[in-house]
Amino acid sequence: MVRLTVDGLAERAQWQAAGVDLPKFDLRQVAANTAKRPEWVHFGAGNIFRGFVANAHQRLLDSGRADTGIVAVKSSDAGSSGPTYGPDDNLTLAVLMNAQGDFKMNVVASLVDTIVIGKGRANERLRLIAMFENPSLRMASFTITEKGYALTGPGGDFVDLVRADMENGPEQPRHTMSLAASLAYRRYLKGRYPIAFVSMDNCSRNGDLLKNALVTIAEEWERRGFTDKGFVAYLRDDAKTAFPLSMIDKITPSPSEKVRAALEKRGIEGMEIAVSNNSHRAPFVNAEISEYLVIEDRFPNGRPPLEEAGVIFTDRATVNKVETMKVTTCLNPLHTALAVSGCLLGYTSIAEEMRDASLRKLAETIGVAEGLPVVVDPGILDPQLFVREVLDERFTNPFIPDTPQRIATDTSQKVGIRFGETLKAYGRRDDLDPASLTAIPLALALWCRYLLGVDDNGRTFVPSPDPMLGTLQKRLACTKLGDTTSNVRAILEDTQIFGVDLYELGVGHKIEGMFYELLEGPGAVRAALDRYMQTNA
């Protein structure tokens, strides 16, 4: 048996027998280089970062094209936003699986240090400050989910944590955005050194979200006299502080017990999955083979040559187009439709859903028949090939244990982009009519039906976490199976959700009619799906 530690990597023959590729560089030397001249700090090093981005940097280290690693930053109470620490020495076992069930495994050692920020960790904070004061630092990147950039609550007021940070100044920040702003301020004071702050989260215009958050906090600190007058200008100066846009795409679900068992059979121990606050963490990351990372090439202090590891660097307009293609037509809408319908029909796997004729037809119709007519073609990726890969290879991969319940999280924050943009595009075109659509209206009706927390058999279930869940369920509080009236219109005409009143767009009545069909009783969801998709599943 072998264990994932730096010392354990010395058992190279056993790792090779287990089918695992090992790092080809001197881990201790790279760690020493990083301590002297850090170049890359990352906040929230969860599964997608460890299994994708850190693995890309690993290839640069293996080839000798880089000689420093990545430093991870984690809050002591950040839950699932960081890697597992302790006996694994910051190492990760990346397990990539194709649709045939083949494992491609390697040890990711590019994360060379971890700084845990929190109460009683003053020395750790000082270490982090020293890295940001070092001219060598090139970039600070983030995978903290879209919620991590939010400074305000649903009502538009600053959340308590952010308000406290604004009132207390940059010395003891607690919110991640406040921490990033305070570190930028220390870099500004030390020498106005250039840096790129790079969001790698799967959300629209992620770099702008990050910049707006830091500038907002900095403006409040400046207004209250906590910072120099030039700090906000430093954050706004692209030659000094850049906030590139990016698009990231790789399915990295929670660690699978089946994968853990398979690793143990291969002689790898210590792969236990820890569960805390409904999050699952492990020393391994199981993920699909496919991966895309497109980044706006704005790095005022330079960057690692990640293009040699498959990352695409391009201009801002092209990143926007790639993100729009993925999020509004070719992947994310399909995922959301499968998520809410899968929860209603009792599925626990996206791959299983894709073997359901009606659900596969639903996803295919949204992506191909209804999405491609208004798709934004980025030029560097072919939308038709991209969506076919999603449908025929990625979603159908039975070895990727992704669940509709995970994907259904925060759906209210997503439907406006994932469906609303396509609906608005249809509304702008003289040759297209939103009311002519079938699968997208059905997906929105299914989401409204999902909000009831009652599956197609009439059994209750707990919907996935969503910041608007309580508000939306109140609007449907009196709605039950068999009803022919409901307040669902209050959801469909909410411009804060969809970016447009769906009734004014001419599709609201159609969605409402579908919603009532889904309410007819047990089995109504299945019947409506089969009917609209014209299948006999």
Protein backbone atom coordinates (compact mmCIF):
# COMPACT_ATOMS: atom_id res chain seq x y z
CA MET A 1 0.00 0.00 0.00
CA VAL A 2 1.14 3.55 -0.71
CA ARG A 3 0.00 6.82 0.81
CA LEU A 4 -0.25 10.28 -0.74
CA THR A 5 2.54 12.14 1.05
CA VAL A 6 5.80 13.64 -0.13
CA ASP A 7 7.71 10.80 1.53
CA GLY A 8 5.22 8.29 0.12
CA LEU A 9 6.06 9.37 -3.43
CA ALA A 10 9.46 7.72 -2.98
CA GLU A 11 7.72 4.38 -3.56
CA ARG A 12 7.77 5.03 -7.28
CA ALA A 13 7.46 1.39 -8.36
CA GLN A 14 4.28 0.91 -6.33
CA TRP A 15 2.75 4.10 -7.70
CA GLN A 16 3.65 3.00 -11.21
CA ALA A 17 2.06 -0.40 -10.59
CA ALA A 18 -1.10 1.42 -9.48
CA GLY A 19 -1.14 3.32 -12.79
CA VAL A 20 -0.30 6.73 -11.31
CA ASP A 21 2.07 9.23 -12.92
CA LEU A 22 4.30 11.08 -10.44
CA PRO A 23 5.74 14.61 -10.55
CA LYS A 24 8.91 14.96 -12.62
CA PHE A 25 10.37 17.86 -10.62
CA ASP A 26 12.03 18.34 -7.26
CA LEU A 27 9.10 19.19 -4.95
CA ARG A 28 11.24 20.63 -2.19
CA GLN A 29 13.24 22.82 -4.57
CA VAL A 30 10.06 24.20 -6.16
CA ALA A 31 8.65 24.90 -2.68
CA ALA A 32 11.86 26.74 -1.75
CA ASN A 33 11.74 28.77 -4.97
CA THR A 34 8.13 29.68 -4.26
CA ALA A 35 8.92 30.86 -0.74
CA LYS A 36 11.61 33.22 -2.10
CA ARG A 37 9.74 34.58 -5.13
CA PRO A 38 6.06 33.65 -5.11
CA GLU A 39 4.32 34.14 -8.44
CA TRP A 40 0.82 32.69 -8.00
CA VAL A 41 -1.57 32.75 -5.05
CA HIS A 42 -4.98 31.09 -5.29
CA PHE A 43 -8.09 31.54 -3.12
CA GLY A 44 -10.49 28.63 -2.71
CA ALA A 45 -8.52 25.72 -4.15
CA GLY A 46 -11.40 23.28 -4.48
CA ASN A 47 -11.96 20.40 -6.87
CA ILE A 48 -12.01 22.21 -10.19
CA PHE A 49 -8.85 24.10 -9.35
CA ARG A 50 -6.94 21.10 -8.06
CA GLY A 51 -8.13 18.75 -10.79
CA PHE A 52 -7.76 21.18 -13.70
CA VAL A 53 -5.87 24.45 -13.24
CA ALA A 54 -3.27 23.17 -10.77
CA ASN A 55 -2.86 20.12 -12.97
CA ALA A 56 -2.15 22.38 -15.96
CA HIS A 57 0.56 24.17 -13.98
CA GLN A 58 1.86 20.76 -12.98
CA ARG A 59 2.62 20.08 -16.65
CA LEU A 60 4.70 23.27 -16.82
CA LEU A 61 6.67 22.19 -13.75
CA ASP A 62 7.17 18.71 -15.20
CA SER A 63 8.52 20.17 -18.46
CA GLY A 64 10.76 22.72 -16.73
CA ARG A 65 8.77 25.68 -18.10
CA ALA A 66 8.03 26.81 -14.53
CA ASP A 67 10.04 26.54 -11.32
CA THR A 68 7.64 27.95 -8.73
CA GLY A 69 4.36 26.50 -7.51
CA ILE A 70 1.00 27.81 -6.35
CA VAL A 71 0.18 28.97 -2.82
CA ALA A 72 -3.36 28.18 -1.68
CA VAL A 73 -5.29 30.47 0.67
CA LYS A 74 -8.14 29.11 2.74
CA SER A 75 -10.26 30.51 5.52
CA SER A 76 -10.26 28.40 8.66
CA ASP A 77 -14.06 28.23 8.43
CA ALA A 78 -14.41 28.24 4.63
CA GLY A 79 -16.03 24.82 4.42
CA SER A 80 -15.57 23.27 1.00
CA SER A 81 -13.81 26.21 -0.62
CA GLY A 82 -10.33 24.80 -0.13
CA PRO A 83 -8.38 21.57 -0.45
CA THR A 84 -7.98 18.90 2.18
CA TYR A 85 -4.97 19.63 4.36
CA GLY A 86 -2.89 17.55 6.69
CA PRO A 87 -1.28 14.19 5.99
CA ASP A 88 -1.52 14.59 2.19
CA ASP A 89 1.11 17.37 2.18
CA ASN A 90 -1.03 19.53 -0.14
CA LEU A 91 -0.87 16.82 -2.80
CA THR A 92 -3.85 15.80 -4.89
CA LEU A 93 -4.48 12.60 -6.80
CA ALA A 94 -6.20 13.60 -10.05
CA VAL A 95 -8.41 10.83 -11.42
CA LEU A 96 -9.67 11.61 -14.92
CA MET A 97 -12.25 9.21 -16.35
CA ASN A 98 -13.48 8.78 -19.90
CA ALA A 99 -16.79 7.25 -20.97
CA GLN A 100 -15.15 3.81 -21.30
CA GLY A 101 -14.19 3.84 -17.62
CA ASP A 102 -10.45 4.22 -18.16
CA PHE A 103 -8.59 6.00 -15.35
CA LYS A 104 -5.85 8.51 -16.15
CA MET A 105 -4.21 9.29 -12.83
CA ASN A 106 -1.43 11.55 -11.70
CA VAL A 107 -0.25 13.21 -8.50
CA VAL A 108 -0.67 17.00 -8.61
CA ALA A 109 2.07 18.68 -6.60
CA SER A 110 1.93 22.22 -7.98
CA LEU A 111 0.14 23.44 -4.83
CA VAL A 112 3.23 23.78 -2.66
CA ASP A 113 1.99 25.77 0.31
CA THR A 114 -1.21 26.50 2.18
CA ILE A 115 -1.99 29.62 4.16
CA VAL A 116 -5.01 29.27 6.43
CA ILE A 117 -6.51 32.61 7.43
CA GLY A 118 -8.63 32.99 10.54
CA LYS A 119 -8.83 33.90 14.19
CA GLY A 120 -5.58 33.21 16.03
CA ARG A 121 -3.59 32.88 12.79
CA ALA A 122 -1.78 36.22 12.75
CA ASN A 123 1.48 34.70 11.56
CA GLU A 124 -0.25 33.10 8.59
CA ARG A 125 -1.72 36.47 7.64
CA LEU A 126 1.73 38.05 7.85
CA ARG A 127 3.12 35.37 5.53
CA LEU A 128 0.37 36.15 3.02
CA ILE A 129 0.99 39.89 3.25
CA ALA A 130 4.69 39.30 2.59
CA MET A 131 3.81 37.43 -0.61
CA PHE A 132 1.65 40.30 -1.84
CA GLU A 133 4.40 42.78 -1.00
CA ASN A 134 6.86 40.79 -3.10
CA PRO A 135 7.37 42.24 -6.62
CA SER A 136 7.61 38.68 -7.99
CA LEU A 137 3.88 37.98 -7.45
CA ARG A 138 2.17 37.86 -10.83
CA MET A 139 -1.38 36.77 -10.16
CA ALA A 140 -3.99 36.01 -7.54
CA SER A 141 -6.70 33.70 -8.81
CA PHE A 142 -10.06 32.64 -7.37
CA THR A 143 -12.47 29.72 -7.50
CA ILE A 144 -14.86 30.67 -4.70
CA THR A 145 -18.21 30.28 -6.56
CA GLU A 146 -20.29 33.23 -7.73
CA LYS A 147 -21.61 33.82 -4.21
CA GLY A 148 -18.08 34.59 -3.02
CA TYR A 149 -18.06 37.90 -4.89
CA ALA A 150 -21.40 39.11 -3.56
CA LEU A 151 -21.17 42.04 -1.16
CA THR A 152 -24.92 42.55 -0.80
CA GLY A 153 -27.89 40.43 0.15
CA PRO A 154 -31.14 39.93 -1.81
CA GLY A 155 -32.40 43.33 -0.64
CA GLY A 156 -29.36 45.18 -1.97
CA ASP A 157 -27.83 46.05 1.41
CA PHE A 158 -24.28 45.11 2.33
CA VAL A 159 -24.19 41.84 4.24
CA ASP A 160 -23.11 42.13 7.86
CA LEU A 161 -19.64 40.66 7.28
CA VAL A 162 -18.86 43.11 4.49
CA ARG A 163 -20.31 46.07 6.37
CA ALA A 164 -18.11 45.24 9.36
CA ASP A 165 -15.05 45.03 7.13
CA MET A 166 -15.85 48.43 5.63
CA GLU A 167 -16.26 49.97 9.07
CA ASN A 168 -13.11 48.37 10.50
CA GLY A 169 -10.74 49.08 7.63
CA PRO A 170 -8.17 46.89 5.87
CA GLU A 171 -6.31 45.57 8.92
CA GLN A 172 -8.53 42.63 9.93
CA PRO A 173 -10.76 41.71 6.98
CA ARG A 174 -12.92 38.59 7.11
CA HIS A 175 -14.82 38.46 3.81
CA THR A 176 -12.72 37.05 0.95
CA MET A 177 -13.23 40.19 -1.14
CA SER A 178 -12.18 42.38 1.76
CA LEU A 179 -9.11 40.21 2.29
CA ALA A 180 -8.17 40.52 -1.38
CA ALA A 181 -8.65 44.29 -1.27
CA SER A 182 -6.52 44.59 1.86
CA LEU A 183 -3.72 42.56 0.24
CA ALA A 184 -3.92 44.71 -2.87
CA TYR A 185 -3.56 47.74 -0.60
CA ARG A 186 -0.41 46.33 0.99
CA ARG A 187 1.00 45.75 -2.50
CA TYR A 188 0.08 49.31 -3.45
CA LEU A 189 1.80 50.72 -0.35
CA LYS A 190 4.92 48.63 -0.87
CA GLY A 191 5.60 49.82 -4.39
CA ARG A 192 2.48 49.99 -6.54
CA TYR A 193 3.62 46.73 -8.09
CA PRO A 194 1.52 45.32 -10.96
CA ILE A 195 -0.64 42.21 -10.53
CA ALA A 196 -3.54 40.35 -12.16
CA PHE A 197 -6.56 39.28 -10.11
CA VAL A 198 -8.08 36.38 -12.06
CA SER A 199 -11.50 34.93 -11.34
CA MET A 200 -11.77 31.39 -12.68
CA ASP A 201 -15.30 30.86 -11.45
CA ASN A 202 -18.08 29.66 -13.69
CA CYS A 203 -20.09 32.87 -13.82
CA SER A 204 -20.76 35.61 -16.32
CA ARG A 205 -18.15 38.39 -16.61
CA ASN A 206 -16.32 37.00 -13.61
CA GLY A 207 -13.40 39.45 -13.84
CA ASP A 208 -15.79 42.39 -13.71
CA LEU A 209 -17.51 40.91 -10.64
CA LEU A 210 -14.16 40.62 -8.91
CA LYS A 211 -13.05 44.14 -9.87
CA ASN A 212 -16.34 45.72 -8.81
CA ALA A 213 -16.16 44.01 -5.42
CA LEU A 214 -12.61 45.15 -4.70
CA VAL A 215 -13.20 48.69 -5.95
CA THR A 216 -16.41 49.02 -3.93
CA ILE A 217 -14.63 48.03 -0.73
CA ALA A 218 -11.66 50.26 -1.53
CA GLU A 219 -13.94 53.24 -2.16
CA GLU A 220 -15.59 52.74 1.23
CA TRP A 221 -12.20 52.52 2.95
CA GLU A 222 -11.01 55.64 1.16
CA ARG A 223 -14.22 57.50 2.04
CA ARG A 224 -13.72 56.60 5.70
CA GLY A 225 -10.07 57.68 5.67
CA PHE A 226 -8.54 54.20 6.06
CA THR A 227 -6.50 54.27 2.83
CA ASP A 228 -4.48 56.62 0.65
CA LYS A 229 -6.33 58.54 -2.02
CA GLY A 230 -4.42 56.77 -4.80
CA PHE A 231 -5.48 53.21 -3.91
CA VAL A 232 -8.75 53.19 -5.87
CA ALA A 233 -6.95 54.65 -8.89
CA TYR A 234 -4.37 51.83 -8.60
CA LEU A 235 -7.16 49.23 -8.74
CA ARG A 236 -8.70 50.97 -11.75
CA ASP A 237 -5.41 51.29 -13.65
CA ASP A 238 -5.22 48.34 -16.10
CA ALA A 239 -1.47 48.85 -16.43
CA LYS A 240 -1.10 48.15 -12.72
CA THR A 241 -4.05 45.97 -11.70
CA ALA A 242 -5.82 43.77 -14.25
CA PHE A 243 -8.99 41.75 -13.81
CA PRO A 244 -9.09 39.41 -16.82
CA LEU A 245 -12.28 37.65 -17.85
CA SER A 246 -12.19 33.88 -18.08
CA MET A 247 -14.37 30.91 -19.02
CA ILE A 248 -13.76 27.60 -17.28
CA ASP A 249 -15.46 24.32 -18.08
CA LYS A 250 -14.75 20.93 -16.57
CA ILE A 251 -17.19 18.69 -14.69
CA THR A 252 -15.62 17.97 -11.29
CA PRO A 253 -18.31 16.43 -9.07
CA SER A 254 -17.96 15.53 -5.42
CA PRO A 255 -15.52 12.68 -4.74
CA SER A 256 -17.06 9.30 -5.51
CA GLU A 257 -17.10 6.40 -3.09
CA LYS A 258 -16.74 4.06 -6.10
CA VAL A 259 -13.56 5.85 -7.14
CA ARG A 260 -12.24 5.72 -3.57
CA ALA A 261 -12.84 1.96 -3.47
CA ALA A 262 -11.14 1.52 -6.85
CA LEU A 263 -8.10 3.43 -5.62
CA GLU A 264 -7.91 1.27 -2.51
CA LYS A 265 -7.98 -1.85 -4.68
CA ARG A 266 -5.01 -0.44 -6.57
CA GLY A 267 -3.10 -0.18 -3.29
CA ILE A 268 -3.56 3.52 -2.53
CA GLU A 269 -4.59 4.17 1.06
CA GLY A 270 -5.73 7.28 2.90
CA MET A 271 -8.31 8.26 0.26
CA GLU A 272 -11.17 8.65 2.75
CA ILE A 273 -13.94 11.13 1.93
CA ALA A 274 -14.67 13.69 4.64
CA VAL A 275 -18.16 15.15 4.91
CA SER A 276 -18.68 18.53 6.59
CA ASN A 277 -21.55 21.00 6.22
CA ASN A 278 -22.95 18.95 3.34
CA SER A 279 -19.66 19.20 1.43
CA HIS A 280 -17.47 16.26 0.46
CA ARG A 281 -13.69 16.49 0.34
CA ALA A 282 -10.98 13.97 -0.33
CA PRO A 283 -7.27 13.81 -1.26
CA PHE A 284 -8.39 12.83 -4.79
CA VAL A 285 -10.41 14.66 -7.42
CA ASN A 286 -12.50 12.64 -9.88
CA ALA A 287 -13.31 14.49 -13.08
CA GLU A 288 -14.06 14.14 -16.76
CA ILE A 289 -11.33 14.23 -19.39
CA SER A 290 -12.75 17.26 -21.26
CA GLU A 291 -11.60 20.66 -20.04
CA TYR A 292 -11.62 24.23 -21.30
CA LEU A 293 -10.08 27.36 -19.82
CA VAL A 294 -10.10 30.56 -21.85
CA ILE A 295 -8.54 33.67 -20.28
CA GLU A 296 -8.28 37.28 -21.37
CA ASP A 297 -4.57 37.87 -21.85
CA ARG A 298 -4.04 40.83 -19.50
CA PHE A 299 -1.24 40.19 -17.00
CA PRO A 300 0.71 43.38 -16.24
CA ASN A 301 3.39 41.48 -14.30
CA GLY A 302 3.62 38.52 -16.68
CA ARG A 303 2.19 35.01 -16.30
CA PRO A 304 3.18 31.35 -16.59
CA PRO A 305 3.03 29.98 -20.17
CA LEU A 306 -0.14 28.00 -19.51
CA GLU A 307 -0.98 27.94 -23.22
CA GLU A 308 1.59 25.12 -23.37
CA ALA A 309 -0.70 23.17 -21.05
CA GLY A 310 -3.88 23.71 -23.03
CA VAL A 311 -5.16 27.03 -21.64
CA ILE A 312 -6.37 29.42 -24.33
CA PHE A 313 -5.35 33.08 -24.02
CA THR A 314 -7.22 35.57 -26.17
CA ASP A 315 -8.82 39.01 -26.20
CA ARG A 316 -11.69 40.22 -24.01
CA ALA A 317 -14.35 40.07 -26.71
CA THR A 318 -13.54 36.46 -27.54
CA VAL A 319 -13.68 35.37 -23.90
CA ASN A 320 -17.11 36.98 -23.68
CA LYS A 321 -18.23 35.08 -26.75
CA VAL A 322 -16.95 31.74 -25.45
CA GLU A 323 -18.62 32.31 -22.10
CA THR A 324 -21.88 33.34 -23.78
CA MET A 325 -21.81 30.29 -26.03
CA LYS A 326 -21.33 27.91 -23.11
CA VAL A 327 -23.56 29.54 -20.52
CA THR A 328 -26.53 30.59 -22.66
CA THR A 329 -26.82 27.85 -25.27
CA CYS A 330 -24.38 24.94 -25.45
CA LEU A 331 -23.97 23.56 -21.91
CA ASN A 332 -25.37 25.33 -18.87
CA PRO A 333 -29.04 25.50 -19.96
CA LEU A 334 -28.94 21.79 -20.74
CA HIS A 335 -27.46 21.07 -17.31
CA THR A 336 -30.12 23.10 -15.49
CA ALA A 337 -32.97 21.47 -17.43
CA LEU A 338 -31.63 18.02 -16.55
CA ALA A 339 -31.09 19.07 -12.94
CA VAL A 340 -34.64 20.16 -12.09
CA SER A 341 -36.33 17.45 -14.14
CA GLY A 342 -34.00 14.81 -12.72
CA CYS A 343 -34.88 15.82 -9.16
CA LEU A 344 -38.60 15.55 -10.00
CA LEU A 345 -38.17 12.11 -11.55
CA GLY A 346 -35.94 10.69 -8.84
CA TYR A 347 -32.66 10.51 -10.75
CA THR A 348 -29.34 10.82 -8.93
CA SER A 349 -27.03 10.80 -11.95
CA ILE A 350 -26.82 12.98 -15.05
CA ALA A 351 -25.53 10.00 -17.06
CA GLU A 352 -28.61 7.99 -16.04
CA GLU A 353 -30.82 10.85 -17.19
CA MET A 354 -29.17 10.81 -20.59
CA ARG A 355 -30.39 7.22 -21.01
CA ASP A 356 -33.96 8.50 -20.58
CA ALA A 357 -35.22 9.21 -24.11
CA SER A 358 -37.37 12.17 -23.14
CA LEU A 359 -34.72 13.84 -20.99
CA ARG A 360 -32.05 13.37 -23.62
CA LYS A 361 -34.41 14.86 -26.21
CA LEU A 362 -35.10 17.79 -23.85
CA ALA A 363 -31.38 18.54 -23.51
CA GLU A 364 -30.71 18.06 -27.21
CA THR A 365 -33.60 20.30 -28.24
CA ILE A 366 -32.50 23.10 -25.92
CA GLY A 367 -28.90 22.94 -27.10
CA VAL A 368 -29.22 22.16 -30.79
CA ALA A 369 -32.67 22.96 -32.17
CA GLU A 370 -33.42 26.01 -29.99
CA GLY A 371 -29.97 27.22 -28.94
CA LEU A 372 -27.83 27.06 -32.07
CA PRO A 373 -30.03 29.44 -34.13
CA VAL A 374 -29.02 32.27 -31.78
CA VAL A 375 -25.66 30.97 -30.56
CA VAL A 376 -22.73 33.38 -30.30
CA ASP A 377 -19.87 31.85 -32.28
CA PRO A 378 -16.56 32.72 -30.56
CA GLY A 379 -14.45 31.66 -33.50
CA ILE A 380 -11.92 29.70 -31.43
CA LEU A 381 -14.37 26.90 -30.49
CA ASP A 382 -17.01 25.46 -32.83
CA PRO A 383 -20.44 25.67 -31.11
CA GLN A 384 -21.83 22.65 -32.98
CA LEU A 385 -18.87 20.46 -32.07
CA PHE A 386 -18.94 21.75 -28.50
CA VAL A 387 -22.62 20.96 -27.93
CA ARG A 388 -22.28 17.54 -29.59
CA GLU A 389 -19.40 16.71 -27.25
CA VAL A 390 -21.58 17.77 -24.31
CA LEU A 391 -24.47 15.57 -25.41
CA ASP A 392 -22.65 12.56 -26.80
CA GLU A 393 -19.60 12.25 -24.56
CA ARG A 394 -19.66 14.45 -21.48
CA PHE A 395 -23.17 14.15 -20.06
CA THR A 396 -23.37 10.47 -21.01
CA ASN A 397 -20.17 9.48 -19.19
CA PRO A 398 -21.37 6.97 -16.56
CA PHE A 399 -18.14 7.26 -14.61
CA ILE A 400 -18.66 10.92 -13.73
CA PRO A 401 -20.81 10.77 -10.57
CA ASP A 402 -22.46 14.15 -11.09
CA THR A 403 -25.93 14.61 -9.65
CA PRO A 404 -28.91 16.74 -10.64
CA GLN A 405 -29.17 17.73 -6.98
CA ARG A 406 -25.73 19.40 -7.10
CA ILE A 407 -26.43 21.18 -10.36
CA ALA A 408 -29.82 22.44 -9.14
CA THR A 409 -28.09 24.55 -6.48
CA ASP A 410 -28.75 28.31 -6.81
CA THR A 411 -30.91 27.88 -9.91
CA SER A 412 -32.70 31.19 -9.33
CA GLN A 413 -29.35 32.91 -9.82
CA LYS A 414 -28.75 31.12 -13.11
CA VAL A 415 -32.00 30.90 -15.12
CA GLY A 416 -31.83 34.53 -16.24
CA ILE A 417 -28.52 33.91 -18.01
CA ARG A 418 -29.00 30.29 -18.99
CA PHE A 419 -32.46 30.74 -20.54
CA GLY A 420 -33.32 34.43 -20.43
CA GLU A 421 -30.59 35.45 -22.87
CA THR A 422 -31.76 32.99 -25.52
CA LEU A 423 -35.37 34.07 -25.04
CA LYS A 424 -34.38 37.72 -25.45
CA ALA A 425 -32.35 36.84 -28.56
CA TYR A 426 -35.44 35.24 -30.07
CA GLY A 427 -37.42 38.36 -29.19
CA ARG A 428 -34.94 40.61 -30.99
CA ARG A 429 -35.06 38.64 -34.23
CA ASP A 430 -37.77 39.32 -36.83
CA ASP A 431 -37.53 35.74 -38.11
CA LEU A 432 -37.83 34.07 -34.68
CA ASP A 433 -40.60 33.99 -32.10
CA PRO A 434 -40.08 33.07 -28.40
CA ALA A 435 -43.57 31.55 -28.37
CA SER A 436 -42.47 29.02 -31.01
CA LEU A 437 -40.05 27.41 -28.54
CA THR A 438 -40.94 24.21 -26.71
CA ALA A 439 -38.02 22.80 -24.71
CA ILE A 440 -36.87 26.05 -23.07
CA PRO A 441 -40.41 26.99 -21.87
CA LEU A 442 -40.82 23.42 -20.63
CA ALA A 443 -37.53 23.64 -18.71
CA LEU A 444 -38.73 26.81 -16.97
CA ALA A 445 -42.08 25.23 -16.18
CA LEU A 446 -40.21 22.25 -14.71
CA TRP A 447 -38.16 24.60 -12.54
CA CYS A 448 -41.32 26.20 -11.17
CA ARG A 449 -42.76 22.73 -10.54
CA TYR A 450 -39.50 21.72 -8.83
CA LEU A 451 -39.82 24.65 -6.41
CA LEU A 452 -42.81 22.94 -4.79
CA GLY A 453 -40.48 20.29 -3.35
CA VAL A 454 -42.83 17.49 -4.44
CA ASP A 455 -41.59 14.87 -6.91
CA ASP A 456 -43.55 13.26 -9.73
CA ASN A 457 -44.76 10.51 -7.40
CA GLY A 458 -46.21 13.06 -5.00
CA ARG A 459 -43.46 12.60 -2.41
CA THR A 460 -41.81 15.62 -0.80
CA PHE A 461 -38.10 16.31 -1.23
CA VAL A 462 -35.78 19.08 -0.12
CA PRO A 463 -34.77 21.37 -3.02
CA SER A 464 -31.10 22.22 -3.34
CA PRO A 465 -29.84 25.36 -1.58
CA ASP A 466 -30.84 28.60 -3.28
CA PRO A 467 -30.77 32.14 -1.86
CA MET A 468 -34.26 32.86 -3.26
CA LEU A 469 -35.81 29.52 -2.38
CA GLY A 470 -37.83 30.84 0.55
CA THR A 471 -39.14 33.82 -1.43
CA LEU A 472 -40.08 31.71 -4.44
CA GLN A 473 -41.77 29.03 -2.35
CA LYS A 474 -43.85 31.71 -0.62
CA ARG A 475 -45.17 32.74 -4.02
CA LEU A 476 -46.22 29.14 -4.59
CA ALA A 477 -47.30 28.49 -1.01
CA CYS A 478 -50.90 27.65 -1.89
CA THR A 479 -50.04 25.61 -5.00
CA LYS A 480 -50.66 21.87 -4.81
CA LEU A 481 -50.92 18.96 -7.21
CA GLY A 482 -54.21 19.07 -9.03
CA ASP A 483 -54.57 22.87 -8.79
CA THR A 484 -55.66 24.87 -11.81
CA THR A 485 -54.71 28.24 -10.35
CA SER A 486 -51.44 29.42 -8.87
CA ASN A 487 -49.38 32.54 -8.26
CA VAL A 488 -46.68 31.23 -10.61
CA ARG A 489 -47.09 34.39 -12.69
CA ALA A 490 -45.32 36.33 -9.92
CA ILE A 491 -42.21 34.28 -10.70
CA LEU A 492 -42.43 34.38 -14.50
CA GLU A 493 -42.85 38.15 -14.65
CA ASP A 494 -40.01 38.84 -12.19
CA THR A 495 -37.45 40.80 -14.18
CA GLN A 496 -34.85 40.40 -11.42
CA ILE A 497 -34.85 36.66 -12.09
CA PHE A 498 -35.02 36.55 -15.88
CA GLY A 499 -33.86 40.00 -16.92
CA VAL A 500 -37.19 40.40 -18.71
CA ASP A 501 -40.92 39.96 -18.05
CA LEU A 502 -41.64 36.67 -19.80
CA TYR A 503 -45.24 37.72 -20.45
CA GLU A 504 -44.14 40.87 -22.22
CA LEU A 505 -41.78 38.69 -24.25
CA GLY A 506 -44.75 36.59 -25.35
CA VAL A 507 -43.77 33.31 -23.73
CA GLY A 508 -45.08 33.65 -20.16
CA HIS A 509 -48.55 32.23 -20.87
CA LYS A 510 -47.01 29.21 -22.61
CA ILE A 511 -44.78 28.44 -19.61
CA GLU A 512 -47.70 28.92 -17.23
CA GLY A 513 -49.83 26.51 -19.26
CA MET A 514 -47.07 23.91 -19.16
CA PHE A 515 -46.73 24.42 -15.41
CA TYR A 516 -50.40 23.55 -14.89
CA GLU A 517 -49.96 20.41 -16.98
CA LEU A 518 -47.10 19.38 -14.67
CA LEU A 519 -49.44 19.94 -11.70
CA GLU A 520 -52.20 17.59 -12.86
CA GLY A 521 -51.18 14.86 -10.42
CA PRO A 522 -48.64 12.07 -9.87
CA GLY A 523 -47.03 11.08 -13.15
CA ALA A 524 -47.87 14.40 -14.82
CA VAL A 525 -44.20 15.38 -15.19
CA ARG A 526 -43.36 12.15 -16.98
CA ALA A 527 -46.44 12.39 -19.19
CA ALA A 528 -45.73 15.99 -20.20
CA LEU A 529 -42.08 15.30 -20.97
CA ASP A 530 -42.96 12.33 -23.16
CA ARG A 531 -45.69 14.27 -24.91
CA TYR A 532 -43.72 17.44 -25.63
CA MET A 533 -40.60 15.52 -26.61
CA GLN A 534 -42.76 13.07 -28.59
CA THR A 535 -41.17 9.99 -27.06
CA ASN A 536 -42.52 6.89 -25.40
CA ALA A 537 -39.95 6.56 -22.66
